[in-house]
C-alpha atoms as a PDB file:
ATOM      1  CA  UNK A   1     163.016  46.648-136.805  1.00  0.00           C
ATOM      2  CA  UNK A   2     161.584  49.726-135.061  1.00  0.00           C
ATOM      3  CA  UNK A   3     158.663  48.983-132.690  1.00  0.00           C
ATOM      4  CA  UNK A   4     155.190  49.595-134.102  1.00  0.00           C
ATOM      5  CA  UNK A   5     156.279  49.624-137.723  1.00  0.00           C
ATOM      6  CA  UNK A   6     155.071  46.359-139.324  1.00  0.00           C
ATOM      7  CA  UNK A   7     153.143  45.601-136.125  1.00  0.00           C
ATOM      8  CA  UNK A   8     151.058  48.724-136.778  1.00  0.00           C
ATOM      9  CA  UNK A   9     149.438  46.993-139.779  1.00  0.00           C
ATOM     10  CA  UNK A  10     147.957  44.245-137.619  1.00  0.00           C
ATOM     11  CA  UNK A  11     147.826  45.926-134.212  1.00  0.00           C
ATOM     12  CA  UNK A  12     144.071  46.440-134.048  1.00  0.00           C
ATOM     13  CA  UNK A  13     143.414  42.920-135.372  1.00  0.00           C
ATOM     14  CA  UNK A  14     145.232  41.390-132.413  1.00  0.00           C
ATOM     15  CA  UNK A  15     144.293  43.879-129.698  1.00  0.00           C
ATOM     16  CA  UNK A  16     140.578  43.121-129.699  1.00  0.00           C
ATOM     17  CA  UNK A  17     140.879  41.987-126.072  1.00  0.00           C
ATOM     18  CA  UNK A  18     141.767  45.482-124.868  1.00  0.00           C
ATOM     19  CA  UNK A  19     138.710  47.036-123.147  1.00  0.00           C
ATOM     20  CA  UNK A  20     139.049  50.426-124.836  1.00  0.00           C
ATOM     21  CA  UNK A  21     135.496  51.542-124.057  1.00  0.00           C
ATOM     22  CA  UNK A  22     135.868  50.598-120.392  1.00  0.00           C
ATOM     23  CA  UNK A  23     139.169  52.436-120.127  1.00  0.00           C
ATOM     24  CA  UNK A  24     137.725  55.471-121.877  1.00  0.00           C
ATOM     25  CA  UNK A  25     134.803  55.416-119.466  1.00  0.00           C
ATOM     26  CA  UNK A  26     137.180  55.288-116.504  1.00  0.00           C
ATOM     27  CA  UNK A  27     139.203  58.252-117.759  1.00  0.00           C
ATOM     28  CA  UNK A  28     136.074  60.238-118.572  1.00  0.00           C
ATOM     29  CA  UNK A  29     134.756  59.581-115.069  1.00  0.00           C
ATOM     30  CA  UNK A  30     137.967  60.829-113.451  1.00  0.00           C
ATOM     31  CA  UNK A  31     138.026  63.949-115.612  1.00  0.00           C
ATOM     32  CA  UNK A  32     134.328  64.644-115.078  1.00  0.00           C
ATOM     33  CA  UNK A  33     134.577  64.196-111.315  1.00  0.00           C
ATOM     34  CA  UNK A  34     137.398  66.746-111.329  1.00  0.00           C
ATOM     35  CA  UNK A  35     135.411  69.307-113.273  1.00  0.00           C
ATOM     36  CA  UNK A  36     136.993  68.684-116.676  1.00  0.00           C
ATOM     37  CA  UNK A  37     133.872  68.170-118.757  1.00  0.00           C
ATOM     38  CA  UNK A  38     135.123  69.590-122.055  1.00  0.00           C
ATOM     39  CA  UNK A  39     138.089  71.427-123.552  1.00  0.00           C
ATOM     40  CA  UNK A  40     141.344  70.253-125.096  1.00  0.00           C
ATOM     41  CA  UNK A  41     142.794  66.906-124.010  1.00  0.00           C
ATOM     42  CA  UNK A  42     146.064  65.491-125.360  1.00  0.00           C
ATOM     43  CA  UNK A  43     146.799  61.772-125.491  1.00  0.00           C
ATOM     44  CA  UNK A  44     150.407  60.588-125.338  1.00  0.00           C
ATOM     45  CA  UNK A  45     151.097  57.310-127.132  1.00  0.00           C
ATOM     46  CA  UNK A  46     147.756  57.388-128.923  1.00  0.00           C
ATOM     47  CA  UNK A  47     148.689  54.582-131.343  1.00  0.00           C
ATOM     48  CA  UNK A  48     145.966  53.930-133.895  1.00  0.00           C
ATOM     49  CA  UNK A  49     143.699  56.412-132.117  1.00  0.00           C
ATOM     50  CA  UNK A  50     141.004  54.198-130.624  1.00  0.00           C
ATOM     51  CA  UNK A  51     141.006  55.942-127.228  1.00  0.00           C
ATOM     52  CA  UNK A  52     141.458  59.311-128.924  1.00  0.00           C
ATOM     53  CA  UNK A  53     138.304  58.807-130.997  1.00  0.00           C
ATOM     54  CA  UNK A  54     136.302  57.540-128.026  1.00  0.00           C
ATOM     55  CA  UNK A  55     137.309  60.570-125.972  1.00  0.00           C
ATOM     56  CA  UNK A  56     136.398  62.822-128.883  1.00  0.00           C
ATOM     57  CA  UNK A  57     132.941  61.226-128.838  1.00  0.00           C
ATOM     58  CA  UNK A  58     132.711  62.283-125.184  1.00  0.00           C
ATOM     59  CA  UNK A  59     132.953  65.912-126.279  1.00  0.00           C
ATOM     60  CA  UNK A  60     136.649  66.656-125.777  1.00  0.00           C
ATOM     61  CA  UNK A  61     138.827  68.400-128.360  1.00  0.00           C
ATOM     62  CA  UNK A  62     141.463  65.725-128.796  1.00  0.00           C
ATOM     63  CA  UNK A  63     145.125  65.878-129.762  1.00  0.00           C
ATOM     64  CA  UNK A  64     146.690  62.485-130.461  1.00  0.00           C
ATOM     65  CA  UNK A  65     150.463  62.202-130.100  1.00  0.00           C
ATOM     66  CA  UNK A  66     152.650  59.244-131.025  1.00  0.00           C
ATOM     67  CA  UNK A  67     156.217  58.629-132.209  1.00  0.00           C
ATOM     68  CA  UNK A  68     155.206  55.899-134.692  1.00  0.00           C
ATOM     69  CA  UNK A  69     154.403  57.272-138.134  1.00  0.00           C
ATOM     70  CA  UNK A  70     152.860  53.915-139.071  1.00  0.00           C
ATOM     71  CA  UNK A  71     150.461  53.926-136.121  1.00  0.00           C
ATOM     72  CA  UNK A  72     149.520  57.575-136.690  1.00  0.00           C
ATOM     73  CA  UNK A  73     148.783  56.996-140.371  1.00  0.00           C
ATOM     74  CA  UNK A  74     146.137  54.464-139.353  1.00  0.00           C
ATOM     75  CA  UNK A  75     144.751  56.861-136.729  1.00  0.00           C
ATOM     76  CA  UNK A  76     144.399  59.593-139.361  1.00  0.00           C
ATOM     77  CA  UNK A  77     142.660  57.212-141.780  1.00  0.00           C
ATOM     78  CA  UNK A  78     140.125  56.259-139.097  1.00  0.00           C
ATOM     79  CA  UNK A  79     139.490  59.861-138.017  1.00  0.00           C
ATOM     80  CA  UNK A  80     136.718  62.135-139.273  1.00  0.00           C
ATOM     81  CA  UNK A  81     139.150  65.035-139.380  1.00  0.00           C
ATOM     82  CA  UNK A  82     138.174  66.528-136.023  1.00  0.00           C
ATOM     83  CA  UNK A  83     141.296  65.255-134.221  1.00  0.00           C
ATOM     84  CA  UNK A  84     144.735  66.811-134.469  1.00  0.00           C
ATOM     85  CA  UNK A  85     147.478  64.193-134.683  1.00  0.00           C
ATOM     86  CA  UNK A  86     151.124  65.029-133.990  1.00  0.00           C
ATOM     87  CA  UNK A  87     154.165  62.884-134.747  1.00  0.00           C
ATOM     88  CA  UNK A  88     156.230  63.438-131.610  1.00  0.00           C
ATOM     89  CA  UNK A  89     158.197  61.565-129.008  1.00  0.00           C
ATOM     90  CA  UNK A  90     156.589  62.298-125.652  1.00  0.00           C
ATOM     91  CA  UNK A  91     160.027  63.159-124.263  1.00  0.00           C
ATOM     92  CA  UNK A  92     160.098  66.082-126.666  1.00  0.00           C
ATOM     93  CA  UNK A  93     156.467  67.093-126.191  1.00  0.00           C
ATOM     94  CA  UNK A  94     155.688  70.442-127.796  1.00  0.00           C
ATOM     95  CA  UNK A  95     152.156  71.835-127.962  1.00  0.00           C
ATOM     96  CA  UNK A  96     150.731  75.101-129.265  1.00  0.00           C
ATOM     97  CA  UNK A  97     149.321  76.086-125.885  1.00  0.00           C
ATOM     98  CA  UNK A  98     147.942  74.672-122.673  1.00  0.00           C
ATOM     99  CA  UNK A  99     145.382  71.872-122.403  1.00  0.00           C
ATOM    100  CA  UNK A 100     142.817  70.905-119.804  1.00  0.00           C
ATOM    101  CA  UNK A 101     144.243  67.406-119.398  1.00  0.00           C
ATOM    102  CA  UNK A 102     146.741  64.912-120.725  1.00  0.00           C
ATOM    103  CA  UNK A 103     146.112  61.165-120.775  1.00  0.00           C
ATOM    104  CA  UNK A 104     148.284  58.165-121.625  1.00  0.00           C
ATOM    105  CA  UNK A 105     147.004  54.583-121.671  1.00  0.00           C
ATOM    106  CA  UNK A 106     148.002  51.097-122.840  1.00  0.00           C
ATOM    107  CA  UNK A 107     151.236  51.257-120.758  1.00  0.00           C
ATOM    108  CA  UNK A 108     152.813  53.823-123.093  1.00  0.00           C
ATOM    109  CA  UNK A 109     154.608  55.349-120.096  1.00  0.00           C
ATOM    110  CA  UNK A 110     156.321  52.012-119.410  1.00  0.00           C
ATOM    111  CA  UNK A 111     158.319  52.616-122.591  1.00  0.00           C
ATOM    112  CA  UNK A 112     160.280  55.290-120.705  1.00  0.00           C
ATOM    113  CA  UNK A 113     163.120  52.957-119.794  1.00  0.00           C
ATOM    114  CA  UNK A 114     166.082  55.239-119.078  1.00  0.00           C
ATOM    115  CA  UNK A 115     166.750  56.999-115.777  1.00  0.00           C
ATOM    116  CA  UNK A 116     165.220  60.458-115.673  1.00  0.00           C
ATOM    117  CA  UNK A 117     162.890  59.992-118.659  1.00  0.00           C
ATOM    118  CA  UNK A 118     159.732  59.629-116.567  1.00  0.00           C
ATOM    119  CA  UNK A 119     160.464  62.860-114.721  1.00  0.00           C
ATOM    120  CA  UNK A 120     161.339  64.539-118.032  1.00  0.00           C
ATOM    121  CA  UNK A 121     157.939  63.685-119.536  1.00  0.00           C
ATOM    122  CA  UNK A 122     156.150  64.748-116.365  1.00  0.00           C
ATOM    123  CA  UNK A 123     157.898  68.126-116.506  1.00  0.00           C
ATOM    124  CA  UNK A 124     156.854  68.555-120.128  1.00  0.00           C
ATOM    125  CA  UNK A 125     153.262  67.713-119.280  1.00  0.00           C
ATOM    126  CA  UNK A 126     153.263  70.134-116.345  1.00  0.00           C
ATOM    127  CA  UNK A 127     154.365  72.905-118.686  1.00  0.00           C
ATOM    128  CA  UNK A 128     151.360  72.449-120.967  1.00  0.00           C
ATOM    129  CA  UNK A 129     148.628  71.743-118.425  1.00  0.00           C
ATOM    130  CA  UNK A 130     146.091  74.442-117.611  1.00  0.00           C
ATOM    131  CA  UNK A 131     145.954  75.543-113.993  1.00  0.00           C
ATOM    132  CA  UNK A 132     144.851  72.546-111.871  1.00  0.00           C
ATOM    133  CA  UNK A 133     144.733  70.394-115.009  1.00  0.00           C
ATOM    134  CA  UNK A 134     145.174  66.631-114.767  1.00  0.00           C
ATOM    135  CA  UNK A 135     147.578  64.105-116.190  1.00  0.00           C
ATOM    136  CA  UNK A 136     146.109  60.599-116.035  1.00  0.00           C
ATOM    137  CA  UNK A 137     148.305  57.729-117.136  1.00  0.00           C
ATOM    138  CA  UNK A 138     148.405  53.995-116.628  1.00  0.00           C
ATOM    139  CA  UNK A 139     151.348  51.702-116.047  1.00  0.00           C
ATOM    140  CA  UNK A 140     151.805  47.973-115.795  1.00  0.00           C
ATOM    141  CA  UNK A 141     153.078  47.095-112.340  1.00  0.00           C
ATOM    142  CA  UNK A 142     156.135  45.245-111.129  1.00  0.00           C
ATOM    143  CA  UNK A 143     153.745  42.470-110.013  1.00  0.00           C
ATOM    144  CA  UNK A 144     152.406  42.150-113.577  1.00  0.00           C
ATOM    145  CA  UNK A 145     155.844  41.837-115.151  1.00  0.00           C
ATOM    146  CA  UNK A 146     157.127  39.411-112.508  1.00  0.00           C
ATOM    147  CA  UNK A 147     154.104  37.162-112.117  1.00  0.00           C
ATOM    148  CA  UNK A 148     151.834  37.505-115.155  1.00  0.00           C
ATOM    149  CA  UNK A 149     154.286  37.993-118.009  1.00  0.00           C
ATOM    150  CA  UNK A 150     157.658  36.901-116.666  1.00  0.00           C
ATOM    151  CA  UNK A 151     159.623  34.568-118.912  1.00  0.00           C
ATOM    152  CA  UNK A 152     156.673  33.364-120.955  1.00  0.00           C
ATOM    153  CA  UNK A 153     155.833  32.776-124.607  1.00  0.00           C
ATOM    154  CA  UNK A 154     152.459  33.733-126.076  1.00  0.00           C
ATOM    155  CA  UNK A 155     151.127  32.692-129.484  1.00  0.00           C
ATOM    156  CA  UNK A 156     148.193  34.038-131.498  1.00  0.00           C
ATOM    157  CA  UNK A 157     146.980  33.178-134.996  1.00  0.00           C
ATOM    158  CA  UNK A 158     144.074  34.739-136.869  1.00  0.00           C
ATOM    159  CA  UNK A 159     144.550  32.773-140.074  1.00  0.00           C
ATOM    160  CA  UNK A 160     146.248  35.550-142.008  1.00  0.00           C
ATOM    161  CA  UNK A 161     148.965  36.338-139.504  1.00  0.00           C
ATOM    162  CA  UNK A 162     150.590  34.583-136.565  1.00  0.00           C
ATOM    163  CA  UNK A 163     152.245  36.345-133.637  1.00  0.00           C
ATOM    164  CA  UNK A 164     154.784  34.965-131.201  1.00  0.00           C
ATOM    165  CA  UNK A 165     155.492  37.056-128.083  1.00  0.00           C
ATOM    166  CA  UNK A 166     158.610  36.029-126.183  1.00  0.00           C
ATOM    167  CA  UNK A 167     158.745  37.723-122.774  1.00  0.00           C
ATOM    168  CA  UNK A 168     161.833  38.232-120.642  1.00  0.00           C
ATOM    169  CA  UNK A 169     161.889  40.169-117.383  1.00  0.00           C
ATOM    170  CA  UNK A 170     165.174  41.373-115.917  1.00  0.00           C
ATOM    171  CA  UNK A 171     164.167  41.759-112.289  1.00  0.00           C
ATOM    172  CA  UNK A 172     167.447  43.323-111.223  1.00  0.00           C
ATOM    173  CA  UNK A 173     167.075  46.215-113.671  1.00  0.00           C
ATOM    174  CA  UNK A 174     163.261  46.189-113.850  1.00  0.00           C
ATOM    175  CA  UNK A 175     163.396  45.853-117.640  1.00  0.00           C
ATOM    176  CA  UNK A 176     160.927  43.763-119.614  1.00  0.00           C
ATOM    177  CA  UNK A 177     161.676  42.767-123.210  1.00  0.00           C
ATOM    178  CA  UNK A 178     159.085  41.595-125.703  1.00  0.00           C
ATOM    179  CA  UNK A 179     160.523  39.830-128.744  1.00  0.00           C
ATOM    180  CA  UNK A 180     157.679  39.969-131.248  1.00  0.00           C
ATOM    181  CA  UNK A 181     157.830  37.713-134.312  1.00  0.00           C
ATOM    182  CA  UNK A 182     155.160  38.093-136.988  1.00  0.00           C
ATOM    183  CA  UNK A 183     154.398  35.658-139.799  1.00  0.00           C
ATOM    184  CA  UNK A 184     152.253  37.485-142.357  1.00  0.00           C
ATOM    185  CA  UNK A 185     150.606  35.810-145.332  1.00  0.00           C
ATOM    186  CA  UNK A 186     151.925  36.825-148.759  1.00  0.00           C
ATOM    187  CA  UNK A 187     149.964  37.021-151.994  1.00  0.00           C
ATOM    188  CA  UNK A 188     151.931  34.056-153.347  1.00  0.00           C
ATOM    189  CA  UNK A 189     151.590  30.294-152.794  1.00  0.00           C
ATOM    190  CA  UNK A 190     154.205  27.571-152.760  1.00  0.00           C
ATOM    191  CA  UNK A 191     154.414  24.750-155.312  1.00  0.00           C
ATOM    192  CA  UNK A 192     151.727  22.828-153.431  1.00  0.00           C
ATOM    193  CA  UNK A 193     149.332  25.763-153.480  1.00  0.00           C
ATOM    194  CA  UNK A 194     149.818  26.587-149.808  1.00  0.00           C
ATOM    195  CA  UNK A 195     150.125  30.286-148.829  1.00  0.00           C
ATOM    196  CA  UNK A 196     153.607  31.639-148.208  1.00  0.00           C
ATOM    197  CA  UNK A 197     154.395  33.716-145.126  1.00  0.00           C
ATOM    198  CA  UNK A 198     156.848  36.545-144.621  1.00  0.00           C
ATOM    199  CA  UNK A 199     158.642  36.847-141.271  1.00  0.00           C
ATOM    200  CA  UNK A 200     159.107  40.148-139.418  1.00  0.00           C
ATOM    201  CA  UNK A 201     160.537  40.859-135.965  1.00  0.00           C
ATOM    202  CA  UNK A 202     160.305  43.766-133.533  1.00  0.00           C
ATOM    203  CA  UNK A 203     161.771  44.258-130.069  1.00  0.00           C
ATOM    204  CA  UNK A 204     159.736  46.172-127.496  1.00  0.00           C
ATOM    205  CA  UNK A 205     161.354  47.227-124.223  1.00  0.00           C
ATOM    206  CA  UNK A 206     159.470  48.463-121.168  1.00  0.00           C
ATOM    207  CA  UNK A 207     160.387  49.351-117.618  1.00  0.00           C
ATOM    208  CA  UNK A 208     158.574  48.323-114.464  1.00  0.00           C
ATOM    209  CA  UNK A 209     158.224  51.292-112.107  1.00  0.00           C
ATOM    210  CA  UNK A 210     157.388  50.891-108.448  1.00  0.00           C
ATOM    211  CA  UNK A 211     154.788  53.205-106.935  1.00  0.00           C
ATOM    212  CA  UNK A 212     157.567  54.860-104.959  1.00  0.00           C
ATOM    213  CA  UNK A 213     159.550  55.604-108.117  1.00  0.00           C
ATOM    214  CA  UNK A 214     156.524  57.186-109.749  1.00  0.00           C
ATOM    215  CA  UNK A 215     155.759  59.249-106.652  1.00  0.00           C
ATOM    216  CA  UNK A 216     159.327  60.546-106.571  1.00  0.00           C
ATOM    217  CA  UNK A 217     159.284  61.465-110.267  1.00  0.00           C
ATOM    218  CA  UNK A 218     155.944  63.270-109.903  1.00  0.00           C
ATOM    219  CA  UNK A 219     157.191  65.320-106.964  1.00  0.00           C
ATOM    220  CA  UNK A 220     160.499  66.112-108.659  1.00  0.00           C
ATOM    221  CA  UNK A 221     158.615  67.332-111.729  1.00  0.00           C
ATOM    222  CA  UNK A 222     156.668  69.804-109.614  1.00  0.00           C
ATOM    223  CA  UNK A 223     153.343  67.995-109.893  1.00  0.00           C
ATOM    224  CA  UNK A 224     150.979  66.641-107.252  1.00  0.00           C
ATOM    225  CA  UNK A 225     149.980  62.973-107.103  1.00  0.00           C
ATOM    226  CA  UNK A 226     146.318  62.972-106.083  1.00  0.00           C
ATOM    227  CA  UNK A 227     145.314  59.359-106.637  1.00  0.00           C
ATOM    228  CA  UNK A 228     146.304  55.812-107.581  1.00  0.00           C
ATOM    229  CA  UNK A 229     143.603  53.420-108.806  1.00  0.00           C
ATOM    230  CA  UNK A 230     143.573  49.791-109.887  1.00  0.00           C
ATOM    231  CA  UNK A 231     142.730  50.024-113.595  1.00  0.00           C
ATOM    232  CA  UNK A 232     140.926  46.668-113.660  1.00  0.00           C
ATOM    233  CA  UNK A 233     138.688  47.117-110.635  1.00  0.00           C
ATOM    234  CA  UNK A 234     138.588  50.931-110.521  1.00  0.00           C
ATOM    235  CA  UNK A 235     139.133  50.689-106.795  1.00  0.00           C
ATOM    236  CA  UNK A 236     142.025  51.068-104.376  1.00  0.00           C
ATOM    237  CA  UNK A 237     145.344  49.720-105.613  1.00  0.00           C
ATOM    238  CA  UNK A 238     146.576  46.518-103.948  1.00  0.00           C
ATOM    239  CA  UNK A 239     149.825  44.552-104.022  1.00  0.00           C
ATOM    240  CA  UNK A 240     148.486  42.285-106.791  1.00  0.00           C
ATOM    241  CA  UNK A 241     147.243  45.085-109.049  1.00  0.00           C
ATOM    242  CA  UNK A 242     148.482  44.527-112.595  1.00  0.00           C
ATOM    243  CA  UNK A 243     147.798  47.972-114.043  1.00  0.00           C
ATOM    244  CA  UNK A 244     147.468  51.263-112.187  1.00  0.00           C
ATOM    245  CA  UNK A 245     146.043  54.656-113.046  1.00  0.00           C
ATOM    246  CA  UNK A 246     148.116  57.526-111.694  1.00  0.00           C
ATOM    247  CA  UNK A 247     146.177  60.780-111.320  1.00  0.00           C
ATOM    248  CA  UNK A 248     148.463  63.795-111.240  1.00  0.00           C
ATOM    249  CA  UNK A 249     147.508  67.453-110.869  1.00  0.00           C
ATOM    250  CA  UNK A 250     149.235  70.525-112.261  1.00  0.00           C
ATOM    251  CA  UNK A 251     150.746  72.938-109.772  1.00  0.00           C
ATOM    252  CA  UNK A 252     150.791  76.651-110.458  1.00  0.00           C
ATOM    253  CA  UNK A 253     154.071  78.165-111.655  1.00  0.00           C
ATOM    254  CA  UNK A 254     154.566  81.915-112.015  1.00  0.00           C
ATOM    255  CA  UNK A 255     156.878  81.582-115.012  1.00  0.00           C
ATOM    256  CA  UNK A 256     154.478  79.329-116.896  1.00  0.00           C
ATOM    257  CA  UNK A 257     152.170  80.515-119.669  1.00  0.00           C
ATOM    258  CA  UNK A 258     148.417  80.026-119.384  1.00  0.00           C
ATOM    259  CA  UNK A 259     145.657  80.606-121.895  1.00  0.00           C
END
């Protein structure tokens, strides 16, 4: 089953531990400190739109972009109509004009698993950024996949649905696989009056990028890497950082269109 199809229905119910407001505050701080206090901001991998809505509340004109129709449908339902949502794969990013900034959180960029895809997305972003605009994205680190997730099994149950996450990390190829099994309550009961559950499965695949790999992709895409920050501490990245913010700046190109 395609990732974020059935999972979209219960995503927000099980992601209550994600510090969306903190992350939004961090991104807003970076943008504000770099003079981007308003204007159009696009979010890649916006999912159900929680970050998109929070950034809209900060005064930005938001565009939410995701390749999951199921996730976007929830985002649209939760929106007040002020946010433009686009069903697109970030590798085929196509906007109507330039934007002040692009953001991508919740390790959406780790889903770029094939060689060259990270650089491809960075090139697309560079095309649509205003002069000196920023691309801020987070990524889970190699340390996180090796030491925090590794070959582990996680289980969650909220009474109406149970989730089983089976994690496998292929260190040689830097590929992490999540086998997600969902048991969702049906409207029917068995002969003893106990609720019946329907089973669904999704496979999610991510890639662990080293800092060096990201730096190389940024440079190859014609962008400038201006900062790397530990997303949990909002301080300098260290060897045990589990999630990093990469702050990338647009570089002027004569053959590029600007508003």
